Protein backbone atom coordinates (compact mmCIF):
# COMPACT_ATOMS: atom_id res chain seq x y z
CA MET A 1 99.36 83.52 97.23
CA ASN A 2 101.32 82.61 100.39
CA PRO A 3 102.08 78.91 101.11
CA THR A 4 101.37 79.24 104.85
CA PRO A 5 99.64 81.88 106.99
CA ASN A 6 103.01 82.82 108.54
CA ALA A 7 104.92 83.18 105.26
CA LEU A 8 106.02 86.58 104.04
CA PRO A 9 103.55 88.33 101.73
CA HIS A 10 104.83 87.65 98.21
CA SER A 11 104.07 89.39 94.92
CA HIS A 12 105.03 88.51 91.36
CA PHE A 13 104.58 90.69 88.27
CA ASP A 14 105.58 89.60 84.76
CA THR A 15 104.70 91.18 81.42
CA SER A 16 105.98 88.27 79.32
CA GLY A 17 102.53 86.69 79.20
CA LEU A 18 100.97 89.78 77.62
CA PRO A 19 100.87 90.74 73.95
CA ARG A 20 104.02 92.73 73.12
CA ALA A 21 102.09 95.90 72.32
CA GLN A 22 100.59 95.88 75.84
CA GLN A 23 103.69 95.06 77.87
CA PHE A 24 105.04 98.58 78.47
CA ALA A 25 101.58 99.96 79.27
CA ALA A 26 101.15 97.28 81.95
CA TRP A 27 104.53 98.12 83.50
CA ARG A 28 103.88 101.87 83.32
CA GLU A 29 100.58 101.43 85.15
CA ALA A 30 102.18 99.27 87.85
CA VAL A 31 105.22 101.50 88.53
CA ASN A 32 103.06 104.63 88.42
CA VAL A 33 102.55 104.12 92.14
CA ILE A 34 105.85 105.99 92.58
CA PHE A 35 107.28 106.95 89.15
CA ASP A 36 106.10 108.19 85.80
CA THR A 37 108.05 106.37 83.11
CA GLU A 38 108.62 106.51 79.37
CA THR A 39 110.61 104.51 76.85
CA SER A 40 111.86 105.04 73.31
CA GLU A 41 111.50 101.35 72.57
CA SER A 42 108.91 100.36 69.97
CA ARG A 43 105.71 99.04 71.52
CA ASP A 44 105.69 96.26 68.92
CA ALA A 45 109.11 95.09 70.17
CA GLY A 46 107.65 94.40 73.59
CA PHE A 47 108.85 95.42 77.03
CA LYS A 48 109.65 92.47 79.24
CA THR A 49 109.62 93.32 82.94
CA ARG A 50 109.62 90.98 85.90
CA VAL A 51 109.17 91.98 89.56
CA ASN A 52 109.41 89.50 92.41
CA GLY A 53 108.94 90.99 95.86
CA TYR A 54 108.50 90.23 99.55
CA GLN A 55 107.06 92.37 102.32
CA TYR A 56 109.52 92.29 105.23
CA GLY A 57 107.41 93.88 107.94
CA ASP A 58 107.20 97.57 107.05
CA VAL A 59 109.64 97.41 104.13
CA VAL A 60 109.48 95.88 100.64
CA LEU A 61 112.39 93.95 99.14
CA GLY A 62 112.33 92.73 95.56
CA SER A 63 114.19 91.97 92.37
CA ILE A 64 113.34 93.89 89.21
CA GLN A 65 114.35 93.07 85.64
CA THR A 66 113.25 95.70 83.15
CA GLY A 67 114.13 97.55 79.95
CA THR A 68 115.60 100.89 78.91
CA GLN A 69 113.47 103.80 80.13
CA ARG A 70 113.29 107.20 81.78
CA TYR A 71 111.88 107.60 85.29
CA ASN A 72 110.34 110.85 86.54
CA ARG A 73 109.01 111.97 89.88
CA SER A 74 107.75 115.54 89.77
CA ASN A 75 106.59 117.90 92.52
CA ALA A 76 103.03 117.34 91.27
CA LYS A 77 103.37 113.59 91.68
CA ILE A 78 104.94 114.00 95.12
CA GLY A 79 101.98 116.14 96.11
CA ARG A 80 99.50 113.69 94.63
CA ASP A 81 100.70 110.49 96.30
CA GLY A 82 102.29 111.84 99.48
CA LEU A 83 104.82 108.99 99.57
CA ASP A 84 107.75 109.67 101.87
CA HIS A 85 110.28 106.87 101.80
CA TYR A 86 113.72 105.88 100.55
CA VAL A 87 114.35 103.33 97.81
CA LEU A 88 117.78 101.67 97.84
CA GLN A 89 118.57 100.13 94.46
CA PHE A 90 121.52 97.80 93.88
CA TYR A 91 122.17 97.59 90.15
CA LEU A 92 123.44 94.07 89.44
CA ASP A 93 123.29 94.44 85.66
CA GLY A 94 122.84 97.54 83.49
CA SER A 95 122.97 101.07 84.83
CA CYS A 96 121.02 104.07 86.11
CA ARG A 97 122.00 107.72 86.07
CA ALA A 98 120.61 111.13 86.98
CA ARG A 99 119.71 112.81 83.69
CA ASP A 100 121.23 116.15 84.71
CA GLY A 101 124.28 114.59 86.35
CA GLY A 102 127.79 113.90 85.17
CA PRO A 103 129.68 110.59 84.82
CA GLU A 104 129.83 110.22 88.60
CA SER A 105 126.03 109.97 88.69
CA CYS A 106 125.98 106.76 86.61
CA THR A 107 125.96 103.38 88.33
CA ARG A 108 128.15 100.42 87.52
CA PRO A 109 127.19 96.81 88.35
CA GLY A 110 127.18 96.41 92.12
CA ASP A 111 126.65 100.12 92.88
CA LEU A 112 123.91 101.48 95.12
CA PHE A 113 121.55 104.17 93.78
CA ILE A 114 119.42 106.02 96.33
CA VAL A 115 115.95 107.42 95.68
CA ASP A 116 114.31 109.87 98.10
CA ALA A 117 110.59 109.79 97.24
CA ALA A 118 110.06 113.16 98.92
CA GLN A 119 112.29 114.87 96.32
CA PRO A 120 111.92 115.28 92.54
CA LEU A 121 113.74 112.76 90.38
CA ALA A 122 114.73 112.44 86.72
CA THR A 123 116.78 109.36 85.77
CA GLU A 124 117.37 107.07 82.85
CA THR A 125 118.30 103.40 82.86
CA THR A 126 119.59 100.82 80.44
CA GLN A 127 118.14 97.33 80.35
CA SER A 128 118.89 96.30 83.90
CA THR A 129 118.43 94.01 86.88
CA PHE A 130 118.46 95.42 90.38
CA LEU A 131 117.57 94.68 93.98
CA ASN A 132 115.07 97.18 95.33
CA LEU A 133 114.55 97.98 99.03
CA ALA A 134 111.76 100.47 99.85
CA VAL A 135 111.82 101.84 103.42
CA PRO A 136 109.44 104.37 105.02
CA ARG A 137 111.26 107.55 105.96
CA ARG A 138 110.06 107.29 109.56
CA LEU A 139 112.14 104.10 109.98
CA LEU A 140 115.40 105.15 108.30
CA SER A 141 115.60 108.93 108.65
CA PRO A 142 116.28 108.94 112.44
CA LEU A 143 119.34 106.75 111.83
CA LEU A 144 120.86 109.03 109.17
CA ASP A 145 123.32 111.87 109.64
CA ALA A 146 121.85 113.92 106.76
CA PRO A 147 118.37 112.54 105.94
CA ASP A 148 117.66 114.94 103.07
CA GLN A 149 121.02 114.76 101.26
CA TYR A 150 120.86 111.36 99.53
CA SER A 151 118.55 111.95 96.58
CA MET A 152 119.96 110.33 93.40
CA ARG A 153 123.29 109.56 95.14
CA VAL A 154 125.50 106.75 93.83
CA LEU A 155 127.54 104.74 96.34
CA ARG A 156 130.18 102.58 94.68
CA GLY A 157 129.91 98.83 95.10
CA THR A 158 133.68 98.55 95.52
CA ASP A 159 133.33 100.07 99.00
CA PRO A 160 133.42 97.21 101.55
CA THR A 161 130.41 98.46 103.51
CA VAL A 162 128.34 98.91 100.35
CA SER A 163 129.31 95.39 99.31
CA LEU A 164 128.30 94.09 102.74
CA LEU A 165 124.83 95.63 102.45
CA ARG A 166 124.44 94.25 98.92
CA GLU A 167 125.31 90.75 100.12
CA HIS A 168 122.94 91.07 103.06
CA LEU A 169 119.99 92.14 100.90
CA THR A 170 120.82 89.45 98.35
CA SER A 171 120.67 86.86 101.11
CA LEU A 172 117.40 88.23 102.48
CA TYR A 173 115.86 88.09 99.02
CA LYS A 174 117.17 84.58 98.40
CA HIS A 175 115.65 83.32 101.66
CA GLY A 176 112.37 85.22 101.21
CA PRO A 177 110.39 82.05 100.36
CA GLU A 178 111.52 80.43 103.61
CA MET A 179 111.16 83.44 105.92
CA THR A 180 108.25 83.88 108.30
CA ILE A 181 106.68 87.17 109.28
CA ALA A 182 108.18 86.85 112.77
CA SER A 183 111.71 86.19 111.48
CA ALA A 184 111.43 89.10 109.03
CA LYS A 185 110.48 91.49 111.83
CA ALA A 186 113.39 90.21 113.90
CA VAL A 187 115.97 90.85 111.18
CA LEU A 188 114.58 94.23 110.09
CA PRO A 189 116.24 96.45 112.76
CA ALA A 190 119.71 95.09 111.92
CA THR A 191 119.02 95.57 108.21
CA LEU A 192 118.08 99.21 108.73
CA GLN A 193 121.11 99.82 110.95
CA LEU A 194 123.37 98.37 108.27
CA ALA A 195 121.74 100.47 105.55
CA ALA A 196 122.11 103.61 107.67
CA SER A 197 125.76 102.83 108.41
CA VAL A 198 126.47 102.52 104.68
CA MET A 199 124.72 105.80 103.89
CA ASN A 200 126.31 107.63 106.82
CA ALA A 201 129.77 106.47 105.76
CA SER A 202 129.32 108.55 102.60
CA ALA A 203 128.40 111.67 104.57
CA LYS A 204 130.69 114.67 104.97
CA PRO A 205 133.40 114.44 107.64
CA GLU A 206 132.03 117.41 109.57
CA HIS A 207 128.92 115.47 110.53
CA ALA A 208 128.40 114.74 114.22
CA ALA A 209 130.57 112.18 116.01
CA ALA A 210 129.00 108.86 116.93
CA VAL A 211 128.02 109.82 120.47
CA GLN A 212 126.53 113.11 119.28
CA GLN A 213 124.67 111.24 116.57
CA CYS A 214 123.01 108.99 119.14
CA VAL A 215 121.78 112.10 120.96
CA PHE A 216 120.65 113.64 117.67
CA VAL A 217 118.64 110.55 116.73
CA SER A 218 116.98 110.48 120.14
CA ILE A 219 116.09 114.17 119.92
CA CYS A 220 114.62 113.70 116.43
CA ARG A 221 112.35 110.96 117.74
CA HIS A 222 111.36 113.21 120.62
CA LEU A 223 110.48 115.99 118.19
CA GLU A 224 108.46 113.70 115.89
CA GLU A 225 106.22 112.80 118.83
CA ARG A 226 105.66 116.47 119.72
CA LEU A 227 105.42 118.29 116.40
CA ASN A 228 101.96 119.63 117.22
CA ASP A 229 102.94 120.72 120.75
CA PRO A 230 102.73 124.55 120.84
CA GLN A 231 105.13 124.59 123.81
CA LEU A 232 107.89 122.80 121.91
CA SER A 233 111.06 124.91 122.12
CA ALA A 234 114.83 124.71 122.11
CA GLU A 235 114.89 125.45 125.83
CA GLN A 236 112.49 122.58 126.58
CA VAL A 237 114.43 120.07 124.48
CA ALA A 238 117.83 121.13 125.82
CA PHE A 239 116.56 120.77 129.41
CA ALA A 240 115.01 117.36 128.68
CA TYR A 241 118.33 116.04 127.34
CA GLY A 242 120.61 117.79 129.84
CA ILE A 243 122.52 119.76 127.20
CA SER A 244 123.02 123.46 126.56
CA ARG A 245 121.12 125.34 123.86
CA ALA A 246 124.44 125.96 122.12
CA THR A 247 125.06 122.19 121.92
CA LEU A 248 121.54 121.62 120.65
CA TYR A 249 122.01 124.25 117.95
CA ARG A 250 125.32 122.65 116.88
CA LEU A 251 123.62 119.26 116.54
CA PHE A 252 121.11 120.76 114.11
CA GLU A 253 123.52 122.92 112.09
CA LYS A 254 123.51 120.46 109.18
CA GLU A 255 119.70 120.69 109.08
CA GLY A 256 119.78 124.47 108.70
CA GLY A 257 119.25 125.05 112.42
CA PHE A 258 116.89 123.77 115.11
CA ALA A 259 114.00 126.10 114.20
CA THR A 260 114.34 125.28 110.49
CA TYR A 261 114.26 121.56 111.22
CA ILE A 262 111.09 121.90 113.30
CA ARG A 263 109.40 124.03 110.63
CA GLU A 264 110.30 121.63 107.83
CA ARG A 265 109.13 118.57 109.77
CA ARG A 266 105.87 120.33 110.62
CA LEU A 267 105.36 121.23 106.97
CA ARG A 268 106.04 117.61 105.96
CA ARG A 269 103.53 116.44 108.58
CA CYS A 270 100.98 118.91 107.20
CA ARG A 271 101.59 117.51 103.73
CA GLU A 272 100.96 113.97 105.02
CA MET A 273 97.67 115.06 106.57
CA LEU A 274 96.57 116.97 103.47
CA ALA A 275 97.34 113.92 101.33
CA ASP A 276 95.36 111.59 103.61
CA PRO A 277 91.81 111.04 102.27
CA ALA A 278 90.69 110.11 105.79
CA ARG A 279 91.37 113.74 106.84
CA ARG A 280 89.65 115.42 103.91
CA GLY A 281 87.05 116.81 106.31
CA ILE A 282 89.65 118.81 108.25
CA SER A 283 90.21 122.27 106.82
CA ILE A 284 93.64 123.38 105.61
CA ALA A 285 93.58 126.20 108.17
CA ASP A 286 92.90 123.76 111.03
CA ILE A 287 95.74 121.46 109.93
CA ALA A 288 98.08 124.43 109.74
CA ALA A 289 97.00 125.79 113.14
CA GLU A 290 97.43 122.36 114.73
CA HIS A 291 101.10 122.55 113.76
CA GLY A 292 101.73 126.12 114.89
CA PHE A 293 100.97 128.04 111.67
CA SER A 294 98.37 130.56 112.78
CA ASN A 295 98.68 132.86 109.76
CA ALA A 296 97.18 131.22 106.66
CA ALA A 297 99.12 133.36 104.17
CA ASN A 298 102.46 132.72 105.86
CA PHE A 299 101.69 129.00 106.02
CA ALA A 300 100.83 128.85 102.32
CA ARG A 301 104.07 130.62 101.36
CA ALA A 302 106.23 128.42 103.60
CA PHE A 303 104.47 125.27 102.38
CA ARG A 304 104.97 126.15 98.72
CA ARG A 305 108.68 126.92 99.29
CA SER A 306 109.22 123.59 101.05
CA ILE A 307 106.94 121.24 99.10
CA GLY A 308 106.81 122.95 95.71
CA LEU A 309 103.00 123.03 95.60
CA SER A 310 100.28 124.91 97.44
CA PRO A 311 98.44 123.15 100.29
CA ARG A 312 95.24 123.13 98.24
CA ALA A 313 97.03 121.56 95.26
CA VAL A 314 98.44 118.77 97.44
CA ARG A 315 94.97 117.98 98.78
CA MET A 316 93.31 118.01 95.35
CA LEU A 317 96.04 115.91 93.74
CA ALA A 318 95.93 113.41 96.60
CA LEU A 319 92.15 113.06 96.38
CA SER A 320 92.22 112.52 92.62
CA GLY A 321 95.05 110.01 92.97
CA ASP A 322 93.21 108.14 95.73
CA ALA A 323 90.16 107.69 93.54
CA ALA A 324 92.32 105.96 90.93
CA ARG A 325 94.03 103.72 93.49
CA VAL A 326 90.74 102.53 94.93
CA GLN A 327 89.82 101.09 91.54
CA THR A 328 93.05 99.10 91.08
CA ALA A 329 94.36 98.26 94.57
CA SER A 330 95.05 94.64 95.50
CA ALA A 331 96.40 93.57 98.88
CA ASP A 332 98.79 91.07 97.25
CA ASP A 333 100.44 93.50 94.80
CA TRP A 334 103.88 95.01 95.47
CA HIS A 335 102.74 98.35 94.06
CA ASP A 336 99.88 98.46 96.58
CA TRP A 337 102.37 97.78 99.39
CA ILE A 338 104.31 100.83 98.17
CA ALA A 339 101.14 102.96 97.93
CA ARG A 340 100.23 102.13 101.53
CA MET A 341 103.76 102.60 102.87
CA ARG A 342 103.85 105.35 105.48
């Protein structure tokens, strides 16, 4: 599919060559990697959808043209696929809105709509064209002031920084056929920094100042590397970074506190392990204990509150979903890139 060994992986999906009655079913099966979708359009009328995408290192950038539909991402689906990434969607034509939101939740051409795959979603779209950037959480979250506060947010395209990001992604997509894997990896860090700057600009004014944010990002990376360390503590982290515990606690106020942040990240890591078929031989109790949850009942309650499903349900849903993916996966398909994104 690629013209040279060094070219970016490229994927193209188009329903126009299928019989009209089969077009929506083909799209629904493809996008099911992340969303359940439904449409009120008649099957006989057809459902033309075109996806053209490139894999820029660890992220996927593409253009999507598709029809009127409703997208859903439930707790059950989150538990089944274990995907944990952001999707930044620039609507160039048509619109998208949160189904339970007001007028402010509806995009206009040029606006940015943000999807957090770790959170439930219910949206509806008109016939539309949009740029779609999918980024693993591990790459973007450390750069964000409030990583869990962007689900179904609309950032207006009239904002200069939003416009700058839109133009940047448009240019990256335009030059996708000419880019090499090496050049894509080189431009990726700046792309993520720009995306984070745009998202952070929409954050509340009480968020940490720039210098504090740099410390916060560094501490978050430190914590990610030590989530299963039983000795991890506020005292240890404060000493390592030469700050007081009070300063450390202030940095994590927007996350609900330092201890809450650690617990939530450990629960998310447990979810990732439970959803990984390669770890199906490790018991739920052992995964919990590895991350500091020695009491099985307390772990199950905390996990259900955070994830919305029991640990056992996440494992069973992930295993059943993996069996289906094995039958349909193709290394050159954009939806397989999304499925493997971690």
